[in-house]
Every structure is written in structure tokens, then in C-alpha cells.
């Protein structure tokens, strides 16, 4: 009798666990929509169905190729991915290249990015800064990959001068924020967190169940945008 009861309990337990597995498959948990810095995300975290995260460093050329391609096709990207596919698109800006000894510019650039986010206009500043770096260096073959000549160490003024003329950015506040390194602690904290999430370098992409490292672009924004779309579509297909 006791043996029959034990068998019955075991069967019931197995059935219960099986039901939980089936339920979890049919009702997957929604993606985590929490952001490290809300100003560095676009899309509505309350309604978004997908969360695309890019771990980046502003002086990572492979990261820049990805973002330059988006900047050149921003209207299409915002309409097709952020709006039509209901994506929360987040950049997690780090200075891993500074921490790893690859670029002293990563630190002031990261500080500037968080200063712009504090002012509520990260995206315009971010794309403007990448555009300036491309004009001054990448377009001349400087800093385009690991084997190219390195971008020289830049003065802090390089980063706050970019803020001139950007609507919604207070130039004097940006200058003070960058010079006084007011956002350094946030940059350092997020870089430390990112180091635990990336495989030694950036870019690192996490999109629902899809993950990828690196970017294959060739500094042609038309071709590179096709690579961006392939990655975005792979992430959407992973859901």
C-alpha cells in the first residue's frame, strides 16, 4: 500500500514538473527591459517586445562602423526596428579600451557620453561625435582597425566642442561636466559590470536569445547597414 502511494506521489510530481516545462515553453518570460542608463536607450521599455543591447566603446572602430551605418540610415532604422518591430535599443557605453590599454581616448569619450545623457540628448551627441571622429581620423585610415595607425591622445576640448550647435545640449554644462569628470563613476561602474558580460572586448550584442561579438563592416555605410539589418533580423528570429 505504501509503495503504491509513493509511486502515485512520484507520478503526480513528474506530471506537475512536466506541466511546468510545457507552460514555460508556451509562455516564455518576457525579456528584461531594465537599462543601465535610460538616456542611452531608444524605444518604450513599457511596451517593447524585444531588447537589443550593444556593449560598446566610442574608440572601438568595429563598434563605430555599426553605429555609423545606423546614423546614415537613421530614419529607416527607427521606423523599421524601433517602431515597427517594437524594440528597445540600448547602448551600454564603456571605456574597456582605456582599461585594457588600447586607447586613452575611451575614458574622456565615455565621460562625455554620460554627460550628454545627463543633459537628455545622448543620441544626437553620440552620432555627432562619431561623425567628427570619422571626419578627422577614420576617413583617413587612422584608427580603423587594430593594424592601422592609432588615433592620437585627444584633449578634453575635442569632446565638448562637439556639443556646440546640438539642440538640447548646454555647451557650458557639457564643458564643465567633461572637464570635471562628473560622470566618471557611472562610466567606471558600468565598465566593471560590462567586463562580466563581454568576451574580452566590444562590440558585444545581446538581442533576446541572440548574441554576437564583433562586426564585419568595411566602412561603407550602405554595405554596413546590410550587415546591421542581418544582425537585427537574426535577433528578431531568435525570439
C-alpha atoms as a PDB file:
ATOM      1  CA  UNK A   1       0.000   0.000   0.000  1.00  0.00           C
ATOM      2  CA  UNK A   2       2.723   2.438   1.000  1.00  0.00           C
ATOM      3  CA  UNK A   3       4.661   1.535  -2.138  1.00  0.00           C
ATOM      4  CA  UNK A   4       1.617   2.295  -4.294  1.00  0.00           C
ATOM      5  CA  UNK A   5       1.218   5.663  -2.558  1.00  0.00           C
ATOM      6  CA  UNK A   6       4.886   6.511  -3.166  1.00  0.00           C
ATOM      7  CA  UNK A   7       4.545   5.593  -6.823  1.00  0.00           C
ATOM      8  CA  UNK A   8       1.400   7.696  -7.086  1.00  0.00           C
ATOM      9  CA  UNK A   9       3.122  10.700  -5.496  1.00  0.00           C
ATOM     10  CA  UNK A  10       6.116  10.281  -7.820  1.00  0.00           C
ATOM     11  CA  UNK A  11       3.879  10.088 -10.898  1.00  0.00           C
ATOM     12  CA  UNK A  12       1.996  13.191  -9.765  1.00  0.00           C
ATOM     13  CA  UNK A  13       5.269  15.050  -9.182  1.00  0.00           C
ATOM     14  CA  UNK A  14       6.610  14.117 -12.617  1.00  0.00           C
ATOM     15  CA  UNK A  15       3.344  15.216 -14.185  1.00  0.00           C
ATOM     16  CA  UNK A  16       3.475  18.526 -12.339  1.00  0.00           C
ATOM     17  CA  UNK A  17       7.059  19.185 -13.417  1.00  0.00           C
ATOM     18  CA  UNK A  18       6.195  18.265 -16.994  1.00  0.00           C
ATOM     19  CA  UNK A  19       3.284  20.709 -16.935  1.00  0.00           C
ATOM     20  CA  UNK A  20       5.616  23.449 -15.691  1.00  0.00           C
ATOM     21  CA  UNK A  21       8.041  22.772 -18.534  1.00  0.00           C
ATOM     22  CA  UNK A  22       5.254  22.894 -21.129  1.00  0.00           C
ATOM     23  CA  UNK A  23       3.863  26.088 -19.611  1.00  0.00           C
ATOM     24  CA  UNK A  24       7.292  27.774 -19.660  1.00  0.00           C
ATOM     25  CA  UNK A  25       7.739  26.826 -23.319  1.00  0.00           C
ATOM     26  CA  UNK A  26       4.322  28.125 -24.309  1.00  0.00           C
ATOM     27  CA  UNK A  27       4.610  31.202 -22.076  1.00  0.00           C
ATOM     28  CA  UNK A  28       8.256  32.336 -22.148  1.00  0.00           C
ATOM     29  CA  UNK A  29       9.282  35.024 -19.682  1.00  0.00           C
ATOM     30  CA  UNK A  30       9.328  38.485 -21.245  1.00  0.00           C
ATOM     31  CA  UNK A  31      12.795  39.928 -21.899  1.00  0.00           C
ATOM     32  CA  UNK A  32      14.312  42.095 -19.187  1.00  0.00           C
ATOM     33  CA  UNK A  33      13.709  45.731 -20.197  1.00  0.00           C
ATOM     34  CA  UNK A  34      15.821  47.326 -17.471  1.00  0.00           C
ATOM     35  CA  UNK A  35      18.500  49.698 -18.767  1.00  0.00           C
ATOM     36  CA  UNK A  36      21.797  50.868 -17.315  1.00  0.00           C
ATOM     37  CA  UNK A  37      21.153  54.448 -18.356  1.00  0.00           C
ATOM     38  CA  UNK A  38      17.686  55.329 -19.645  1.00  0.00           C
ATOM     39  CA  UNK A  39      19.122  58.197 -21.696  1.00  0.00           C
ATOM     40  CA  UNK A  40      21.154  55.724 -23.766  1.00  0.00           C
ATOM     41  CA  UNK A  41      18.114  53.725 -24.858  1.00  0.00           C
ATOM     42  CA  UNK A  42      15.512  54.441 -27.502  1.00  0.00           C
ATOM     43  CA  UNK A  43      12.085  52.825 -27.594  1.00  0.00           C
ATOM     44  CA  UNK A  44       9.451  52.383 -24.901  1.00  0.00           C
ATOM     45  CA  UNK A  45      10.520  49.941 -22.157  1.00  0.00           C
ATOM     46  CA  UNK A  46       6.888  49.700 -21.005  1.00  0.00           C
ATOM     47  CA  UNK A  47       5.623  48.337 -24.319  1.00  0.00           C
ATOM     48  CA  UNK A  48       8.710  46.974 -26.115  1.00  0.00           C
ATOM     49  CA  UNK A  49       8.678  43.295 -27.043  1.00  0.00           C
ATOM     50  CA  UNK A  50      12.401  42.984 -27.711  1.00  0.00           C
ATOM     51  CA  UNK A  51      15.525  44.344 -26.021  1.00  0.00           C
ATOM     52  CA  UNK A  52      18.625  44.862 -28.153  1.00  0.00           C
ATOM     53  CA  UNK A  53      21.775  45.679 -26.155  1.00  0.00           C
ATOM     54  CA  UNK A  54      25.090  46.768 -27.608  1.00  0.00           C
ATOM     55  CA  UNK A  55      28.113  46.899 -25.311  1.00  0.00           C
ATOM     56  CA  UNK A  56      30.406  49.480 -26.856  1.00  0.00           C
ATOM     57  CA  UNK A  57      33.369  51.790 -26.525  1.00  0.00           C
ATOM     58  CA  UNK A  58      33.407  55.010 -28.553  1.00  0.00           C
ATOM     59  CA  UNK A  59      37.014  54.342 -29.561  1.00  0.00           C
ATOM     60  CA  UNK A  60      36.302  50.808 -30.745  1.00  0.00           C
ATOM     61  CA  UNK A  61      36.394  51.037 -34.567  1.00  0.00           C
ATOM     62  CA  UNK A  62      34.264  47.929 -35.039  1.00  0.00           C
ATOM     63  CA  UNK A  63      31.604  49.444 -32.796  1.00  0.00           C
ATOM     64  CA  UNK A  64      31.822  52.709 -34.703  1.00  0.00           C
ATOM     65  CA  UNK A  65      31.231  51.009 -38.060  1.00  0.00           C
ATOM     66  CA  UNK A  66      27.988  49.553 -36.711  1.00  0.00           C
ATOM     67  CA  UNK A  67      26.788  52.887 -35.312  1.00  0.00           C
ATOM     68  CA  UNK A  68      27.941  54.924 -38.332  1.00  0.00           C
ATOM     69  CA  UNK A  69      25.850  52.660 -40.560  1.00  0.00           C
ATOM     70  CA  UNK A  70      22.787  53.270 -38.378  1.00  0.00           C
ATOM     71  CA  UNK A  71      23.419  57.034 -38.311  1.00  0.00           C
ATOM     72  CA  UNK A  72      23.499  57.088 -42.125  1.00  0.00           C
ATOM     73  CA  UNK A  73      20.188  55.200 -42.253  1.00  0.00           C
ATOM     74  CA  UNK A  74      18.600  56.522 -39.078  1.00  0.00           C
ATOM     75  CA  UNK A  75      15.108  57.116 -40.418  1.00  0.00           C
ATOM     76  CA  UNK A  76      14.842  53.578 -41.772  1.00  0.00           C
ATOM     77  CA  UNK A  77      16.336  52.065 -38.608  1.00  0.00           C
ATOM     78  CA  UNK A  78      13.998  53.951 -36.268  1.00  0.00           C
ATOM     79  CA  UNK A  79      10.932  53.212 -38.375  1.00  0.00           C
ATOM     80  CA  UNK A  80      11.594  49.567 -39.201  1.00  0.00           C
ATOM     81  CA  UNK A  81      13.158  48.339 -35.955  1.00  0.00           C
ATOM     82  CA  UNK A  82      12.319  50.684 -33.096  1.00  0.00           C
ATOM     83  CA  UNK A  83       8.733  51.366 -34.202  1.00  0.00           C
ATOM     84  CA  UNK A  84       7.563  48.524 -36.460  1.00  0.00           C
ATOM     85  CA  UNK A  85       9.275  45.732 -34.502  1.00  0.00           C
ATOM     86  CA  UNK A  86       8.806  47.374 -31.106  1.00  0.00           C
ATOM     87  CA  UNK A  87      12.427  47.185 -29.991  1.00  0.00           C
ATOM     88  CA  UNK A  88      14.099  48.800 -27.008  1.00  0.00           C
ATOM     89  CA  UNK A  89      17.548  49.615 -28.418  1.00  0.00           C
ATOM     90  CA  UNK A  90      20.173  50.292 -25.747  1.00  0.00           C
ATOM     91  CA  UNK A  91      23.839  51.216 -25.845  1.00  0.00           C
ATOM     92  CA  UNK A  92      25.926  50.340 -22.814  1.00  0.00           C
ATOM     93  CA  UNK A  93      28.872  52.689 -23.170  1.00  0.00           C
ATOM     94  CA  UNK A  94      32.143  51.597 -21.555  1.00  0.00           C
ATOM     95  CA  UNK A  95      35.797  52.548 -21.657  1.00  0.00           C
ATOM     96  CA  UNK A  96      37.094  48.996 -21.858  1.00  0.00           C
ATOM     97  CA  UNK A  97      39.680  50.052 -24.429  1.00  0.00           C
ATOM     98  CA  UNK A  98      41.095  52.509 -21.885  1.00  0.00           C
ATOM     99  CA  UNK A  99      41.019  49.900 -19.124  1.00  0.00           C
ATOM    100  CA  UNK A 100      42.739  47.397 -21.429  1.00  0.00           C
ATOM    101  CA  UNK A 101      45.402  49.898 -22.507  1.00  0.00           C
ATOM    102  CA  UNK A 102      44.228  50.224 -26.115  1.00  0.00           C
ATOM    103  CA  UNK A 103      43.076  53.863 -26.173  1.00  0.00           C
ATOM    104  CA  UNK A 104      43.407  56.726 -23.717  1.00  0.00           C
ATOM    105  CA  UNK A 105      40.585  58.469 -25.589  1.00  0.00           C
ATOM    106  CA  UNK A 106      37.995  55.956 -24.435  1.00  0.00           C
ATOM    107  CA  UNK A 107      37.851  57.462 -20.953  1.00  0.00           C
ATOM    108  CA  UNK A 108      37.034  61.111 -21.863  1.00  0.00           C
ATOM    109  CA  UNK A 109      34.738  59.929 -24.660  1.00  0.00           C
ATOM    110  CA  UNK A 110      32.820  57.733 -22.228  1.00  0.00           C
ATOM    111  CA  UNK A 111      32.594  60.554 -19.700  1.00  0.00           C
ATOM    112  CA  UNK A 112      31.274  62.860 -22.434  1.00  0.00           C
ATOM    113  CA  UNK A 113      28.657  60.297 -23.489  1.00  0.00           C
ATOM    114  CA  UNK A 114      27.290  60.074 -19.965  1.00  0.00           C
ATOM    115  CA  UNK A 115      27.380  63.874 -19.669  1.00  0.00           C
ATOM    116  CA  UNK A 116      25.236  64.109 -22.812  1.00  0.00           C
ATOM    117  CA  UNK A 117      22.843  61.509 -21.397  1.00  0.00           C
ATOM    118  CA  UNK A 118      22.581  63.584 -18.225  1.00  0.00           C
ATOM    119  CA  UNK A 119      21.585  66.554 -20.400  1.00  0.00           C
ATOM    120  CA  UNK A 120      18.925  64.429 -22.120  1.00  0.00           C
ATOM    121  CA  UNK A 121      20.480  64.345 -25.587  1.00  0.00           C
ATOM    122  CA  UNK A 122      22.783  61.370 -25.750  1.00  0.00           C
ATOM    123  CA  UNK A 123      21.841  60.177 -29.233  1.00  0.00           C
ATOM    124  CA  UNK A 124      22.449  63.433 -31.126  1.00  0.00           C
ATOM    125  CA  UNK A 125      25.738  63.911 -29.314  1.00  0.00           C
ATOM    126  CA  UNK A 126      26.806  60.301 -29.840  1.00  0.00           C
ATOM    127  CA  UNK A 127      26.228  60.387 -33.599  1.00  0.00           C
ATOM    128  CA  UNK A 128      27.828  63.839 -33.855  1.00  0.00           C
ATOM    129  CA  UNK A 129      30.923  62.629 -32.011  1.00  0.00           C
ATOM    130  CA  UNK A 130      31.238  59.536 -34.198  1.00  0.00           C
ATOM    131  CA  UNK A 131      30.828  61.739 -37.271  1.00  0.00           C
ATOM    132  CA  UNK A 132      33.631  64.018 -36.076  1.00  0.00           C
ATOM    133  CA  UNK A 133      35.923  61.084 -35.346  1.00  0.00           C
ATOM    134  CA  UNK A 134      35.208  59.682 -38.803  1.00  0.00           C
ATOM    135  CA  UNK A 135      35.914  63.021 -40.498  1.00  0.00           C
ATOM    136  CA  UNK A 136      39.137  63.634 -38.579  1.00  0.00           C
ATOM    137  CA  UNK A 137      40.576  60.119 -38.423  1.00  0.00           C
ATOM    138  CA  UNK A 138      38.687  57.118 -39.768  1.00  0.00           C
ATOM    139  CA  UNK A 139      38.196  58.624 -43.224  1.00  0.00           C
ATOM    140  CA  UNK A 140      41.999  58.959 -43.420  1.00  0.00           C
ATOM    141  CA  UNK A 141      42.632  55.353 -42.440  1.00  0.00           C
ATOM    142  CA  UNK A 142      43.590  56.227 -38.874  1.00  0.00           C
ATOM    143  CA  UNK A 143      42.201  54.057 -36.079  1.00  0.00           C
ATOM    144  CA  UNK A 144      40.097  51.950 -38.427  1.00  0.00           C
ATOM    145  CA  UNK A 145      41.324  48.609 -37.079  1.00  0.00           C
ATOM    146  CA  UNK A 146      43.984  47.047 -34.880  1.00  0.00           C
ATOM    147  CA  UNK A 147      46.701  47.297 -37.550  1.00  0.00           C
ATOM    148  CA  UNK A 148      46.050  50.922 -38.589  1.00  0.00           C
ATOM    149  CA  UNK A 149      47.845  53.972 -37.159  1.00  0.00           C
ATOM    150  CA  UNK A 150      46.362  54.871 -33.774  1.00  0.00           C
ATOM    151  CA  UNK A 151      44.298  57.965 -33.123  1.00  0.00           C
ATOM    152  CA  UNK A 152      46.482  60.287 -31.004  1.00  0.00           C
ATOM    153  CA  UNK A 153      45.510  61.181 -27.457  1.00  0.00           C
ATOM    154  CA  UNK A 154      42.887  63.917 -27.684  1.00  0.00           C
ATOM    155  CA  UNK A 155      42.364  66.856 -25.369  1.00  0.00           C
ATOM    156  CA  UNK A 156      39.111  67.034 -23.416  1.00  0.00           C
ATOM    157  CA  UNK A 157      38.161  70.058 -25.522  1.00  0.00           C
ATOM    158  CA  UNK A 158      37.698  67.719 -28.507  1.00  0.00           C
ATOM    159  CA  UNK A 159      34.730  66.176 -26.764  1.00  0.00           C
ATOM    160  CA  UNK A 160      32.942  69.259 -25.532  1.00  0.00           C
ATOM    161  CA  UNK A 161      33.461  71.183 -28.783  1.00  0.00           C
ATOM    162  CA  UNK A 162      31.288  68.560 -30.481  1.00  0.00           C
ATOM    163  CA  UNK A 163      28.390  69.731 -28.287  1.00  0.00           C
ATOM    164  CA  UNK A 164      28.316  73.139 -29.988  1.00  0.00           C
ATOM    165  CA  UNK A 165      25.180  73.609 -32.049  1.00  0.00           C
ATOM    166  CA  UNK A 166      23.370  70.478 -30.841  1.00  0.00           C
ATOM    167  CA  UNK A 167      19.849  71.392 -29.789  1.00  0.00           C
ATOM    168  CA  UNK A 168      19.108  70.424 -26.204  1.00  0.00           C
ATOM    169  CA  UNK A 169      22.740  70.404 -25.102  1.00  0.00           C
ATOM    170  CA  UNK A 170      24.029  73.172 -22.869  1.00  0.00           C
ATOM    171  CA  UNK A 171      27.599  73.744 -24.063  1.00  0.00           C
ATOM    172  CA  UNK A 172      28.787  75.243 -20.775  1.00  0.00           C
ATOM    173  CA  UNK A 173      27.320  72.369 -18.767  1.00  0.00           C
ATOM    174  CA  UNK A 174      28.893  69.827 -21.106  1.00  0.00           C
ATOM    175  CA  UNK A 175      32.263  71.564 -20.857  1.00  0.00           C
ATOM    176  CA  UNK A 176      32.103  71.590 -17.066  1.00  0.00           C
ATOM    177  CA  UNK A 177      30.873  68.006 -16.874  1.00  0.00           C
ATOM    178  CA  UNK A 178      33.670  66.727 -19.105  1.00  0.00           C
ATOM    179  CA  UNK A 179      36.454  68.821 -17.574  1.00  0.00           C
ATOM    180  CA  UNK A 180      35.456  67.853 -14.029  1.00  0.00           C
ATOM    181  CA  UNK A 181      34.806  64.205 -14.975  1.00  0.00           C
ATOM    182  CA  UNK A 182      31.419  64.409 -13.281  1.00  0.00           C
ATOM    183  CA  UNK A 183      30.183  61.134 -14.779  1.00  0.00           C
ATOM    184  CA  UNK A 184      33.379  59.128 -14.317  1.00  0.00           C
ATOM    185  CA  UNK A 185      31.989  56.989 -11.509  1.00  0.00           C
ATOM    186  CA  UNK A 186      28.996  55.904 -13.628  1.00  0.00           C
ATOM    187  CA  UNK A 187      31.294  55.086 -16.536  1.00  0.00           C
ATOM    188  CA  UNK A 188      33.600  53.047 -14.306  1.00  0.00           C
ATOM    189  CA  UNK A 189      30.748  51.183 -12.627  1.00  0.00           C
ATOM    190  CA  UNK A 190      29.168  50.269 -15.956  1.00  0.00           C
ATOM    191  CA  UNK A 191      32.509  49.261 -17.435  1.00  0.00           C
ATOM    192  CA  UNK A 192      33.083  46.940 -14.474  1.00  0.00           C
ATOM    193  CA  UNK A 193      29.630  45.397 -14.980  1.00  0.00           C
ATOM    194  CA  UNK A 194      30.219  45.071 -18.718  1.00  0.00           C
ATOM    195  CA  UNK A 195      33.518  43.255 -18.207  1.00  0.00           C
ATOM    196  CA  UNK A 196      31.499  40.412 -16.687  1.00  0.00           C
ATOM    197  CA  UNK A 197      29.151  40.278 -19.697  1.00  0.00           C
ATOM    198  CA  UNK A 198      31.514  40.555 -22.669  1.00  0.00           C
ATOM    199  CA  UNK A 199      34.029  38.075 -24.040  1.00  0.00           C
ATOM    200  CA  UNK A 200      37.053  40.287 -23.568  1.00  0.00           C
ATOM    201  CA  UNK A 201      36.120  43.032 -25.987  1.00  0.00           C
ATOM    202  CA  UNK A 202      33.481  45.038 -27.772  1.00  0.00           C
ATOM    203  CA  UNK A 203      31.191  45.242 -29.589  1.00  0.00           C
ATOM    204  CA  UNK A 204      29.103  42.644 -27.843  1.00  0.00           C
ATOM    205  CA  UNK A 205      25.478  42.285 -28.936  1.00  0.00           C
ATOM    206  CA  UNK A 206      22.690  40.709 -26.896  1.00  0.00           C
ATOM    207  CA  UNK A 207      19.248  40.585 -28.519  1.00  0.00           C
ATOM    208  CA  UNK A 208      16.695  38.352 -26.815  1.00  0.00           C
ATOM    209  CA  UNK A 209      18.289  34.880 -27.245  1.00  0.00           C
ATOM    210  CA  UNK A 210      20.724  36.046 -29.933  1.00  0.00           C
ATOM    211  CA  UNK A 211      24.297  37.032 -29.058  1.00  0.00           C
ATOM    212  CA  UNK A 212      27.210  38.074 -31.239  1.00  0.00           C
ATOM    213  CA  UNK A 213      30.693  39.515 -30.880  1.00  0.00           C
ATOM    214  CA  UNK A 214      32.388  41.875 -33.313  1.00  0.00           C
ATOM    215  CA  UNK A 215      31.138  43.496 -36.504  1.00  0.00           C
ATOM    216  CA  UNK A 216      32.304  42.759 -40.048  1.00  0.00           C
ATOM    217  CA  UNK A 217      31.627  46.139 -41.679  1.00  0.00           C
ATOM    218  CA  UNK A 218      34.001  47.744 -44.188  1.00  0.00           C
ATOM    219  CA  UNK A 219      33.411  51.485 -43.557  1.00  0.00           C
ATOM    220  CA  UNK A 220      30.850  51.697 -46.361  1.00  0.00           C
ATOM    221  CA  UNK A 221      27.639  52.721 -44.629  1.00  0.00           C
ATOM    222  CA  UNK A 222      25.425  51.234 -47.357  1.00  0.00           C
ATOM    223  CA  UNK A 223      27.060  47.811 -47.165  1.00  0.00           C
ATOM    224  CA  UNK A 224      27.493  48.015 -43.411  1.00  0.00           C
ATOM    225  CA  UNK A 225      23.820  48.757 -42.931  1.00  0.00           C
ATOM    226  CA  UNK A 226      23.006  45.478 -44.663  1.00  0.00           C
ATOM    227  CA  UNK A 227      25.136  43.767 -42.004  1.00  0.00           C
ATOM    228  CA  UNK A 228      23.284  45.701 -39.294  1.00  0.00           C
ATOM    229  CA  UNK A 229      19.955  44.508 -40.699  1.00  0.00           C
ATOM    230  CA  UNK A 230      21.167  40.906 -40.817  1.00  0.00           C
ATOM    231  CA  UNK A 231      22.054  41.112 -37.118  1.00  0.00           C
ATOM    232  CA  UNK A 232      18.780  42.803 -36.164  1.00  0.00           C
ATOM    233  CA  UNK A 233      16.775  40.232 -38.144  1.00  0.00           C
ATOM    234  CA  UNK A 234      18.720  37.363 -36.564  1.00  0.00           C
ATOM    235  CA  UNK A 235      17.824  38.762 -33.149  1.00  0.00           C
ATOM    236  CA  UNK A 236      14.154  39.037 -34.051  1.00  0.00           C
ATOM    237  CA  UNK A 237      14.187  35.457 -35.338  1.00  0.00           C
ATOM    238  CA  UNK A 238      15.688  34.207 -32.058  1.00  0.00           C
ATOM    239  CA  UNK A 239      12.628  35.138 -30.010  1.00  0.00           C
END
